[in-house]
Amino acid sequence: VAMGGTLYPEIRDLPGRMNHRMPPD
């Protein structure tokens, strides 16, 4: 972002992407 880039708010909602989040338990 500091260099002018953008972010997806939630990777797991994108087609073909895995859930990168921390396991809840």
mmCIF file of all heavy atoms, coordinates in Angstrom:
data_MODEL
# 
_entry.id   MODEL 
# 
loop_
_atom_site.group_PDB 
_atom_site.id 
_atom_site.type_symbol 
_atom_site.label_atom_id 
_atom_site.label_alt_id 
_atom_site.label_comp_id 
_atom_site.label_asym_id 
_atom_site.label_entity_id 
_atom_site.label_seq_id 
_atom_site.pdbx_PDB_ins_code 
_atom_site.Cartn_x 
_atom_site.Cartn_y 
_atom_site.Cartn_z 
_atom_site.occupancy 
_atom_site.B_iso_or_equiv 
_atom_site.pdbx_formal_charge 
_atom_site.auth_seq_id 
_atom_site.auth_comp_id 
_atom_site.auth_asym_id 
_atom_site.auth_atom_id 
_atom_site.pdbx_PDB_model_num 
ATOM 1   N N   . VAL A 1 1  ? 0.828   -1.204  0.000  1.00 0.00 ? 1  VAL A N   1 
ATOM 2   C CA  . VAL A 1 1  ? 0.000   0.000   0.000  1.00 0.00 ? 1  VAL A CA  1 
ATOM 3   C C   . VAL A 1 1  ? 0.863   1.257   0.000  1.00 0.00 ? 1  VAL A C   1 
ATOM 4   O O   . VAL A 1 1  ? 0.570   2.232   -0.709 1.00 0.00 ? 1  VAL A O   1 
ATOM 5   C CB  . VAL A 1 1  ? -0.963  -0.004  1.205  1.00 0.00 ? 1  VAL A CB  1 
ATOM 6   C CG1 . VAL A 1 1  ? -1.700  1.328   1.324  1.00 0.00 ? 1  VAL A CG1 1 
ATOM 7   C CG2 . VAL A 1 1  ? -1.968  -1.145  1.079  1.00 0.00 ? 1  VAL A CG2 1 
ATOM 8   N N   . ALA A 1 2  ? 1.941   1.253   0.764  1.00 0.00 ? 2  ALA A N   1 
ATOM 9   C CA  . ALA A 1 2  ? 2.834   2.413   0.813  1.00 0.00 ? 2  ALA A CA  1 
ATOM 10  C C   . ALA A 1 2  ? 3.408   2.746   -0.556 1.00 0.00 ? 2  ALA A C   1 
ATOM 11  O O   . ALA A 1 2  ? 3.662   3.916   -0.860 1.00 0.00 ? 2  ALA A O   1 
ATOM 12  C CB  . ALA A 1 2  ? 3.964   2.161   1.809  1.00 0.00 ? 2  ALA A CB  1 
ATOM 13  N N   . MET A 1 3  ? 3.572   1.717   -1.394 1.00 0.00 ? 3  MET A N   1 
ATOM 14  C CA  . MET A 1 3  ? 4.128   1.913   -2.728 1.00 0.00 ? 3  MET A CA  1 
ATOM 15  C C   . MET A 1 3  ? 3.040   2.061   -3.785 1.00 0.00 ? 3  MET A C   1 
ATOM 16  O O   . MET A 1 3  ? 3.316   1.970   -4.985 1.00 0.00 ? 3  MET A O   1 
ATOM 17  C CB  . MET A 1 3  ? 5.058   0.750   -3.069 1.00 0.00 ? 3  MET A CB  1 
ATOM 18  C CG  . MET A 1 3  ? 6.228   0.575   -2.106 1.00 0.00 ? 3  MET A CG  1 
ATOM 19  S SD  . MET A 1 3  ? 7.232   2.072   -1.885 1.00 0.00 ? 3  MET A SD  1 
ATOM 20  C CE  . MET A 1 3  ? 7.946   2.225   -3.526 1.00 0.00 ? 3  MET A CE  1 
ATOM 21  N N   . GLY A 1 4  ? 1.794   2.287   -3.350 1.00 0.00 ? 4  GLY A N   1 
ATOM 22  C CA  . GLY A 1 4  ? 0.716   2.581   -4.280 1.00 0.00 ? 4  GLY A CA  1 
ATOM 23  C C   . GLY A 1 4  ? -0.143  1.394   -4.679 1.00 0.00 ? 4  GLY A C   1 
ATOM 24  O O   . GLY A 1 4  ? -0.982  1.513   -5.580 1.00 0.00 ? 4  GLY A O   1 
ATOM 25  N N   . GLY A 1 5  ? 0.003   0.248   -4.012 1.00 0.00 ? 5  GLY A N   1 
ATOM 26  C CA  . GLY A 1 5  ? -0.763  -0.938  -4.350 1.00 0.00 ? 5  GLY A CA  1 
ATOM 27  C C   . GLY A 1 5  ? -2.094  -1.011  -3.632 1.00 0.00 ? 5  GLY A C   1 
ATOM 28  O O   . GLY A 1 5  ? -2.410  -0.181  -2.766 1.00 0.00 ? 5  GLY A O   1 
ATOM 29  N N   . THR A 1 6  ? -2.892  -2.016  -3.984 1.00 0.00 ? 6  THR A N   1 
ATOM 30  C CA  . THR A 1 6  ? -4.203  -2.216  -3.391 1.00 0.00 ? 6  THR A CA  1 
ATOM 31  C C   . THR A 1 6  ? -4.308  -3.625  -2.826 1.00 0.00 ? 6  THR A C   1 
ATOM 32  O O   . THR A 1 6  ? -3.476  -4.491  -3.107 1.00 0.00 ? 6  THR A O   1 
ATOM 33  C CB  . THR A 1 6  ? -5.324  -1.992  -4.423 1.00 0.00 ? 6  THR A CB  1 
ATOM 34  O OG1 . THR A 1 6  ? -5.193  -2.965  -5.474 1.00 0.00 ? 6  THR A OG1 1 
ATOM 35  C CG2 . THR A 1 6  ? -5.256  -0.600  -5.013 1.00 0.00 ? 6  THR A CG2 1 
ATOM 36  N N   . LEU A 1 7  ? -5.372  -3.844  -2.019 1.00 0.00 ? 7  LEU A N   1 
ATOM 37  C CA  . LEU A 1 7  ? -5.559  -5.124  -1.331 1.00 0.00 ? 7  LEU A CA  1 
ATOM 38  C C   . LEU A 1 7  ? -6.958  -5.673  -1.568 1.00 0.00 ? 7  LEU A C   1 
ATOM 39  O O   . LEU A 1 7  ? -7.922  -4.917  -1.730 1.00 0.00 ? 7  LEU A O   1 
ATOM 40  C CB  . LEU A 1 7  ? -5.355  -4.944  0.180  1.00 0.00 ? 7  LEU A CB  1 
ATOM 41  C CG  . LEU A 1 7  ? -4.033  -4.364  0.659  1.00 0.00 ? 7  LEU A CG  1 
ATOM 42  C CD1 . LEU A 1 7  ? -4.082  -4.124  2.164  1.00 0.00 ? 7  LEU A CD1 1 
ATOM 43  C CD2 . LEU A 1 7  ? -2.871  -5.277  0.300  1.00 0.00 ? 7  LEU A CD2 1 
ATOM 44  N N   . TYR A 1 8  ? -7.062  -7.005  -1.564 1.00 0.00 ? 8  TYR A N   1 
ATOM 45  C CA  . TYR A 1 8  ? -8.352  -7.675  -1.477 1.00 0.00 ? 8  TYR A CA  1 
ATOM 46  C C   . TYR A 1 8  ? -8.738  -7.762  -0.004 1.00 0.00 ? 8  TYR A C   1 
ATOM 47  O O   . TYR A 1 8  ? -7.909  -8.136  0.830  1.00 0.00 ? 8  TYR A O   1 
ATOM 48  C CB  . TYR A 1 8  ? -8.273  -9.097  -2.026 1.00 0.00 ? 8  TYR A CB  1 
ATOM 49  C CG  . TYR A 1 8  ? -8.187  -9.211  -3.527 1.00 0.00 ? 8  TYR A CG  1 
ATOM 50  C CD1 . TYR A 1 8  ? -7.044  -9.731  -4.139 1.00 0.00 ? 8  TYR A CD1 1 
ATOM 51  C CD2 . TYR A 1 8  ? -9.259  -8.837  -4.339 1.00 0.00 ? 8  TYR A CD2 1 
ATOM 52  C CE1 . TYR A 1 8  ? -6.965  -9.864  -5.514 1.00 0.00 ? 8  TYR A CE1 1 
ATOM 53  C CE2 . TYR A 1 8  ? -9.177  -8.963  -5.718 1.00 0.00 ? 8  TYR A CE2 1 
ATOM 54  C CZ  . TYR A 1 8  ? -8.040  -9.476  -6.300 1.00 0.00 ? 8  TYR A CZ  1 
ATOM 55  O OH  . TYR A 1 8  ? -7.966  -9.607  -7.660 1.00 0.00 ? 8  TYR A OH  1 
ATOM 56  N N   . PRO A 1 9  ? -9.994  -7.474  0.351  1.00 0.00 ? 9  PRO A N   1 
ATOM 57  C CA  . PRO A 1 9  ? -10.385 -7.559  1.758  1.00 0.00 ? 9  PRO A CA  1 
ATOM 58  C C   . PRO A 1 9  ? -10.479 -8.980  2.289  1.00 0.00 ? 9  PRO A C   1 
ATOM 59  O O   . PRO A 1 9  ? -10.310 -9.209  3.483  1.00 0.00 ? 9  PRO A O   1 
ATOM 60  C CB  . PRO A 1 9  ? -11.747 -6.866  1.792  1.00 0.00 ? 9  PRO A CB  1 
ATOM 61  C CG  . PRO A 1 9  ? -12.280 -6.993  0.416  1.00 0.00 ? 9  PRO A CG  1 
ATOM 62  C CD  . PRO A 1 9  ? -11.081 -6.935  -0.487 1.00 0.00 ? 9  PRO A CD  1 
ATOM 63  N N   . GLU A 1 10 ? -10.749 -9.951  1.413  1.00 0.00 ? 10 GLU A N   1 
ATOM 64  C CA  . GLU A 1 10 ? -10.925 -11.331 1.887  1.00 0.00 ? 10 GLU A CA  1 
ATOM 65  C C   . GLU A 1 10 ? -10.537 -12.307 0.781  1.00 0.00 ? 10 GLU A C   1 
ATOM 66  O O   . GLU A 1 10 ? -11.288 -12.530 -0.169 1.00 0.00 ? 10 GLU A O   1 
ATOM 67  C CB  . GLU A 1 10 ? -12.369 -11.567 2.313  1.00 0.00 ? 10 GLU A CB  1 
ATOM 68  C CG  . GLU A 1 10 ? -12.596 -12.875 3.043  1.00 0.00 ? 10 GLU A CG  1 
ATOM 69  C CD  . GLU A 1 10 ? -11.851 -12.953 4.366  1.00 0.00 ? 10 GLU A CD  1 
ATOM 70  O OE1 . GLU A 1 10 ? -12.244 -12.261 5.327  1.00 0.00 ? 10 GLU A OE1 1 
ATOM 71  O OE2 . GLU A 1 10 ? -10.875 -13.728 4.433  1.00 0.00 ? 10 GLU A OE2 1 
ATOM 72  N N   . ILE A 1 11 ? -9.341  -12.875 0.904  1.00 0.00 ? 11 ILE A N   1 
ATOM 73  C CA  . ILE A 1 11 ? -8.812  -13.779 -0.122 1.00 0.00 ? 11 ILE A CA  1 
ATOM 74  C C   . ILE A 1 11 ? -9.716  -14.993 -0.338 1.00 0.00 ? 11 ILE A C   1 
ATOM 75  O O   . ILE A 1 11 ? -9.954  -15.418 -1.472 1.00 0.00 ? 11 ILE A O   1 
ATOM 76  C CB  . ILE A 1 11 ? -7.387  -14.239 0.268  1.00 0.00 ? 11 ILE A CB  1 
ATOM 77  C CG1 . ILE A 1 11 ? -6.410  -13.067 0.166  1.00 0.00 ? 11 ILE A CG1 1 
ATOM 78  C CG2 . ILE A 1 11 ? -6.923  -15.391 -0.612 1.00 0.00 ? 11 ILE A CG2 1 
ATOM 79  C CD1 . ILE A 1 11 ? -6.120  -12.604 -1.227 1.00 0.00 ? 11 ILE A CD1 1 
ATOM 80  N N   . ARG A 1 12 ? -10.242 -15.555 0.714  1.00 0.00 ? 12 ARG A N   1 
ATOM 81  C CA  . ARG A 1 12 ? -10.993 -16.804 0.605  1.00 0.00 ? 12 ARG A CA  1 
ATOM 82  C C   . ARG A 1 12 ? -12.287 -16.658 -0.189 1.00 0.00 ? 12 ARG A C   1 
ATOM 83  O O   . ARG A 1 12 ? -12.873 -17.663 -0.598 1.00 0.00 ? 12 ARG A O   1 
ATOM 84  C CB  . ARG A 1 12 ? -11.305 -17.358 1.993  1.00 0.00 ? 12 ARG A CB  1 
ATOM 85  C CG  . ARG A 1 12 ? -12.206 -16.476 2.847  1.00 0.00 ? 12 ARG A CG  1 
ATOM 86  C CD  . ARG A 1 12 ? -12.411 -17.039 4.230  1.00 0.00 ? 12 ARG A CD  1 
ATOM 87  N NE  . ARG A 1 12 ? -13.166 -16.123 5.077  1.00 0.00 ? 12 ARG A NE  1 
ATOM 88  C CZ  . ARG A 1 12 ? -13.447 -16.354 6.355  1.00 0.00 ? 12 ARG A CZ  1 
ATOM 89  N NH1 . ARG A 1 12 ? -13.033 -17.467 6.922  1.00 0.00 ? 12 ARG A NH1 1 
ATOM 90  N NH2 . ARG A 1 12 ? -14.123 -15.461 7.057  1.00 0.00 ? 12 ARG A NH2 1 
ATOM 91  N N   . ASP A 1 13 ? -12.741 -15.413 -0.416 1.00 0.00 ? 13 ASP A N   1 
ATOM 92  C CA  . ASP A 1 13 ? -13.951 -15.182 -1.198 1.00 0.00 ? 13 ASP A CA  1 
ATOM 93  C C   . ASP A 1 13 ? -13.687 -15.150 -2.697 1.00 0.00 ? 13 ASP A C   1 
ATOM 94  O O   . ASP A 1 13 ? -14.635 -15.101 -3.492 1.00 0.00 ? 13 ASP A O   1 
ATOM 95  C CB  . ASP A 1 13 ? -14.617 -13.868 -0.781 1.00 0.00 ? 13 ASP A CB  1 
ATOM 96  C CG  . ASP A 1 13 ? -15.210 -13.936 0.617  1.00 0.00 ? 13 ASP A CG  1 
ATOM 97  O OD1 . ASP A 1 13 ? -15.412 -15.063 1.115  1.00 0.00 ? 13 ASP A OD1 1 
ATOM 98  O OD2 . ASP A 1 13 ? -15.459 -12.863 1.211  1.00 0.00 ? 13 ASP A OD2 1 
ATOM 99  N N   . LEU A 1 14 ? -12.422 -15.176 -3.100 1.00 0.00 ? 14 LEU A N   1 
ATOM 100 C CA  . LEU A 1 14 ? -12.087 -15.104 -4.519 1.00 0.00 ? 14 LEU A CA  1 
ATOM 101 C C   . LEU A 1 14 ? -12.141 -16.491 -5.155 1.00 0.00 ? 14 LEU A C   1 
ATOM 102 O O   . LEU A 1 14 ? -11.745 -17.476 -4.538 1.00 0.00 ? 14 LEU A O   1 
ATOM 103 C CB  . LEU A 1 14 ? -10.684 -14.512 -4.697 1.00 0.00 ? 14 LEU A CB  1 
ATOM 104 C CG  . LEU A 1 14 ? -10.454 -13.114 -4.114 1.00 0.00 ? 14 LEU A CG  1 
ATOM 105 C CD1 . LEU A 1 14 ? -8.987  -12.720 -4.262 1.00 0.00 ? 14 LEU A CD1 1 
ATOM 106 C CD2 . LEU A 1 14 ? -11.356 -12.094 -4.795 1.00 0.00 ? 14 LEU A CD2 1 
ATOM 107 N N   . PRO A 1 15 ? -12.626 -16.599 -6.377 1.00 0.00 ? 15 PRO A N   1 
ATOM 108 C CA  . PRO A 1 15 ? -12.693 -17.903 -7.052 1.00 0.00 ? 15 PRO A CA  1 
ATOM 109 C C   . PRO A 1 15 ? -11.310 -18.557 -7.147 1.00 0.00 ? 15 PRO A C   1 
ATOM 110 O O   . PRO A 1 15 ? -10.329 -17.908 -7.529 1.00 0.00 ? 15 PRO A O   1 
ATOM 111 C CB  . PRO A 1 15 ? -13.223 -17.544 -8.446 1.00 0.00 ? 15 PRO A CB  1 
ATOM 112 C CG  . PRO A 1 15 ? -13.935 -16.248 -8.269 1.00 0.00 ? 15 PRO A CG  1 
ATOM 113 C CD  . PRO A 1 15 ? -13.180 -15.515 -7.213 1.00 0.00 ? 15 PRO A CD  1 
ATOM 114 N N   . GLY A 1 16 ? -11.242 -19.815 -6.775 1.00 0.00 ? 16 GLY A N   1 
ATOM 115 C CA  . GLY A 1 16 ? -10.007 -20.566 -6.892 1.00 0.00 ? 16 GLY A CA  1 
ATOM 116 C C   . GLY A 1 16 ? -8.999  -20.356 -5.785 1.00 0.00 ? 16 GLY A C   1 
ATOM 117 O O   . GLY A 1 16 ? -7.936  -20.990 -5.788 1.00 0.00 ? 16 GLY A O   1 
ATOM 118 N N   . ARG A 1 17 ? -9.316  -19.500 -4.819 1.00 0.00 ? 17 ARG A N   1 
ATOM 119 C CA  . ARG A 1 17 ? -8.376  -19.244 -3.724 1.00 0.00 ? 17 ARG A CA  1 
ATOM 120 C C   . ARG A 1 17 ? -8.721  -20.112 -2.514 1.00 0.00 ? 17 ARG A C   1 
ATOM 121 O O   . ARG A 1 17 ? -9.878  -20.407 -2.254 1.00 0.00 ? 17 ARG A O   1 
ATOM 122 C CB  . ARG A 1 17 ? -8.403  -17.772 -3.309 1.00 0.00 ? 17 ARG A CB  1 
ATOM 123 C CG  . ARG A 1 17 ? -8.032  -16.794 -4.401 1.00 0.00 ? 17 ARG A CG  1 
ATOM 124 C CD  . ARG A 1 17 ? -6.573  -16.853 -4.807 1.00 0.00 ? 17 ARG A CD  1 
ATOM 125 N NE  . ARG A 1 17 ? -6.273  -15.826 -5.779 1.00 0.00 ? 17 ARG A NE  1 
ATOM 126 C CZ  . ARG A 1 17 ? -5.757  -14.634 -5.467 1.00 0.00 ? 17 ARG A CZ  1 
ATOM 127 N NH1 . ARG A 1 17 ? -5.458  -14.349 -4.203 1.00 0.00 ? 17 ARG A NH1 1 
ATOM 128 N NH2 . ARG A 1 17 ? -5.547  -13.733 -6.405 1.00 0.00 ? 17 ARG A NH2 1 
ATOM 129 N N   . MET A 1 18 ? -7.682  -20.481 -1.768 1.00 0.00 ? 18 MET A N   1 
ATOM 130 C CA  . MET A 1 18 ? -7.870  -21.234 -0.540 1.00 0.00 ? 18 MET A CA  1 
ATOM 131 C C   . MET A 1 18 ? -8.146  -20.289 0.627  1.00 0.00 ? 18 MET A C   1 
ATOM 132 O O   . MET A 1 18 ? -8.015  -19.069 0.491  1.00 0.00 ? 18 MET A O   1 
ATOM 133 C CB  . MET A 1 18 ? -6.619  -22.072 -0.240 1.00 0.00 ? 18 MET A CB  1 
ATOM 134 C CG  . MET A 1 18 ? -5.406  -21.255 0.156  1.00 0.00 ? 18 MET A CG  1 
ATOM 135 S SD  . MET A 1 18 ? -3.957  -22.270 0.574  1.00 0.00 ? 18 MET A SD  1 
ATOM 136 C CE  . MET A 1 18 ? -3.409  -22.712 -1.072 1.00 0.00 ? 18 MET A CE  1 
ATOM 137 N N   . ASN A 1 19 ? -8.520  -20.844 1.747  1.00 0.00 ? 19 ASN A N   1 
ATOM 138 C CA  . ASN A 1 19 ? -8.682  -20.072 2.970  1.00 0.00 ? 19 ASN A CA  1 
ATOM 139 C C   . ASN A 1 19 ? -7.315  -19.925 3.627  1.00 0.00 ? 19 ASN A C   1 
ATOM 140 O O   . ASN A 1 19 ? -6.745  -20.891 4.129  1.00 0.00 ? 19 ASN A O   1 
ATOM 141 C CB  . ASN A 1 19 ? -9.661  -20.767 3.913  1.00 0.00 ? 19 ASN A CB  1 
ATOM 142 C CG  . ASN A 1 19 ? -9.913  -19.960 5.183  1.00 0.00 ? 19 ASN A CG  1 
ATOM 143 O OD1 . ASN A 1 19 ? -9.402  -18.855 5.335  1.00 0.00 ? 19 ASN A OD1 1 
ATOM 144 N ND2 . ASN A 1 19 ? -10.685 -20.519 6.092  1.00 0.00 ? 19 ASN A ND2 1 
ATOM 145 N N   . HIS A 1 20 ? -6.790  -18.705 3.617  1.00 0.00 ? 20 HIS A N   1 
ATOM 146 C CA  . HIS A 1 20 ? -5.465  -18.446 4.181  1.00 0.00 ? 20 HIS A CA  1 
ATOM 147 C C   . HIS A 1 20 ? -5.526  -18.048 5.655  1.00 0.00 ? 20 HIS A C   1 
ATOM 148 O O   . HIS A 1 20 ? -4.490  -17.766 6.258  1.00 0.00 ? 20 HIS A O   1 
ATOM 149 C CB  . HIS A 1 20 ? -4.759  -17.338 3.393  1.00 0.00 ? 20 HIS A CB  1 
ATOM 150 C CG  . HIS A 1 20 ? -4.296  -17.745 2.033  1.00 0.00 ? 20 HIS A CG  1 
ATOM 151 N ND1 . HIS A 1 20 ? -2.969  -17.990 1.737  1.00 0.00 ? 20 HIS A ND1 1 
ATOM 152 C CD2 . HIS A 1 20 ? -4.981  -17.974 0.893  1.00 0.00 ? 20 HIS A CD2 1 
ATOM 153 C CE1 . HIS A 1 20 ? -2.862  -18.328 0.464  1.00 0.00 ? 20 HIS A CE1 1 
ATOM 154 N NE2 . HIS A 1 20 ? -4.073  -18.323 -0.064 1.00 0.00 ? 20 HIS A NE2 1 
ATOM 155 N N   . ARG A 1 21 ? -6.724  -17.988 6.206  1.00 0.00 ? 21 ARG A N   1 
ATOM 156 C CA  . ARG A 1 21 ? -6.855  -17.513 7.582  1.00 0.00 ? 21 ARG A CA  1 
ATOM 157 C C   . ARG A 1 21 ? -6.337  -18.529 8.601  1.00 0.00 ? 21 ARG A C   1 
ATOM 158 O O   . ARG A 1 21 ? -6.234  -19.722 8.331  1.00 0.00 ? 21 ARG A O   1 
ATOM 159 C CB  . ARG A 1 21 ? -8.316  -17.188 7.885  1.00 0.00 ? 21 ARG A CB  1 
ATOM 160 C CG  . ARG A 1 21 ? -8.773  -15.870 7.289  1.00 0.00 ? 21 ARG A CG  1 
ATOM 161 C CD  . ARG A 1 21 ? -10.099 -15.443 7.855  1.00 0.00 ? 21 ARG A CD  1 
ATOM 162 N NE  . ARG A 1 21 ? -10.477 -14.098 7.433  1.00 0.00 ? 21 ARG A NE  1 
ATOM 163 C CZ  . ARG A 1 21 ? -10.076 -12.985 8.035  1.00 0.00 ? 21 ARG A CZ  1 
ATOM 164 N NH1 . ARG A 1 21 ? -9.279  -13.061 9.094  1.00 0.00 ? 21 ARG A NH1 1 
ATOM 165 N NH2 . ARG A 1 21 ? -10.466 -11.811 7.611  1.00 0.00 ? 21 ARG A NH2 1 
ATOM 166 N N   . MET A 1 22 ? -6.027  -18.009 9.801  1.00 0.00 ? 22 MET A N   1 
ATOM 167 C CA  . MET A 1 22 ? -5.585  -18.838 10.911 1.00 0.00 ? 22 MET A CA  1 
ATOM 168 C C   . MET A 1 22 ? -6.699  -19.805 11.312 1.00 0.00 ? 22 MET A C   1 
ATOM 169 O O   . MET A 1 22 ? -7.857  -19.400 11.408 1.00 0.00 ? 22 MET A O   1 
ATOM 170 C CB  . MET A 1 22 ? -5.225  -17.949 12.103 1.00 0.00 ? 22 MET A CB  1 
ATOM 171 C CG  . MET A 1 22 ? -4.796  -18.687 13.352 1.00 0.00 ? 22 MET A CG  1 
ATOM 172 S SD  . MET A 1 22 ? -4.384  -17.541 14.703 1.00 0.00 ? 22 MET A SD  1 
ATOM 173 C CE  . MET A 1 22 ? -6.015  -16.863 15.094 1.00 0.00 ? 22 MET A CE  1 
ATOM 174 N N   . PRO A 1 23 ? -6.373  -21.066 11.557 1.00 0.00 ? 23 PRO A N   1 
ATOM 175 C CA  . PRO A 1 23 ? -7.393  -21.988 12.068 1.00 0.00 ? 23 PRO A CA  1 
ATOM 176 C C   . PRO A 1 23 ? -7.999  -21.440 13.357 1.00 0.00 ? 23 PRO A C   1 
ATOM 177 O O   . PRO A 1 23 ? -7.264  -20.949 14.224 1.00 0.00 ? 23 PRO A O   1 
ATOM 178 C CB  . PRO A 1 23 ? -6.602  -23.274 12.330 1.00 0.00 ? 23 PRO A CB  1 
ATOM 179 C CG  . PRO A 1 23 ? -5.406  -23.181 11.438 1.00 0.00 ? 23 PRO A CG  1 
ATOM 180 C CD  . PRO A 1 23 ? -5.071  -21.722 11.361 1.00 0.00 ? 23 PRO A CD  1 
ATOM 181 N N   . PRO A 1 24 ? -9.314  -21.484 13.516 1.00 0.00 ? 24 PRO A N   1 
ATOM 182 C CA  . PRO A 1 24 ? -9.951  -20.869 14.682 1.00 0.00 ? 24 PRO A CA  1 
ATOM 183 C C   . PRO A 1 24 ? -9.686  -21.602 15.988 1.00 0.00 ? 24 PRO A C   1 
ATOM 184 O O   . PRO A 1 24 ? -9.794  -21.003 17.063 1.00 0.00 ? 24 PRO A O   1 
ATOM 185 C CB  . PRO A 1 24 ? -11.442 -20.909 14.336 1.00 0.00 ? 24 PRO A CB  1 
ATOM 186 C CG  . PRO A 1 24 ? -11.568 -22.042 13.373 1.00 0.00 ? 24 PRO A CG  1 
ATOM 187 C CD  . PRO A 1 24 ? -10.296 -22.048 12.584 1.00 0.00 ? 24 PRO A CD  1 
ATOM 188 N N   . ASP A 1 25 ? -9.353  -22.878 15.912 1.00 0.00 ? 25 ASP A N   1 
ATOM 189 C CA  . ASP A 1 25 ? -9.146  -23.680 17.114 1.00 0.00 ? 25 ASP A CA  1 
ATOM 190 C C   . ASP A 1 25 ? -7.770  -24.335 17.086 1.00 0.00 ? 25 ASP A C   1 
ATOM 191 O O   . ASP A 1 25 ? -7.094  -24.364 16.061 1.00 0.00 ? 25 ASP A O   1 
ATOM 192 C CB  . ASP A 1 25 ? -10.231 -24.762 17.226 1.00 0.00 ? 25 ASP A CB  1 
ATOM 193 C CG  . ASP A 1 25 ? -11.629 -24.171 17.264 1.00 0.00 ? 25 ASP A CG  1 
ATOM 194 O OD1 . ASP A 1 25 ? -11.855 -23.266 18.087 1.00 0.00 ? 25 ASP A OD1 1 
ATOM 195 O OD2 . ASP A 1 25 ? -12.481 -24.617 16.459 1.00 0.00 ? 25 ASP A OD2 1 
# 
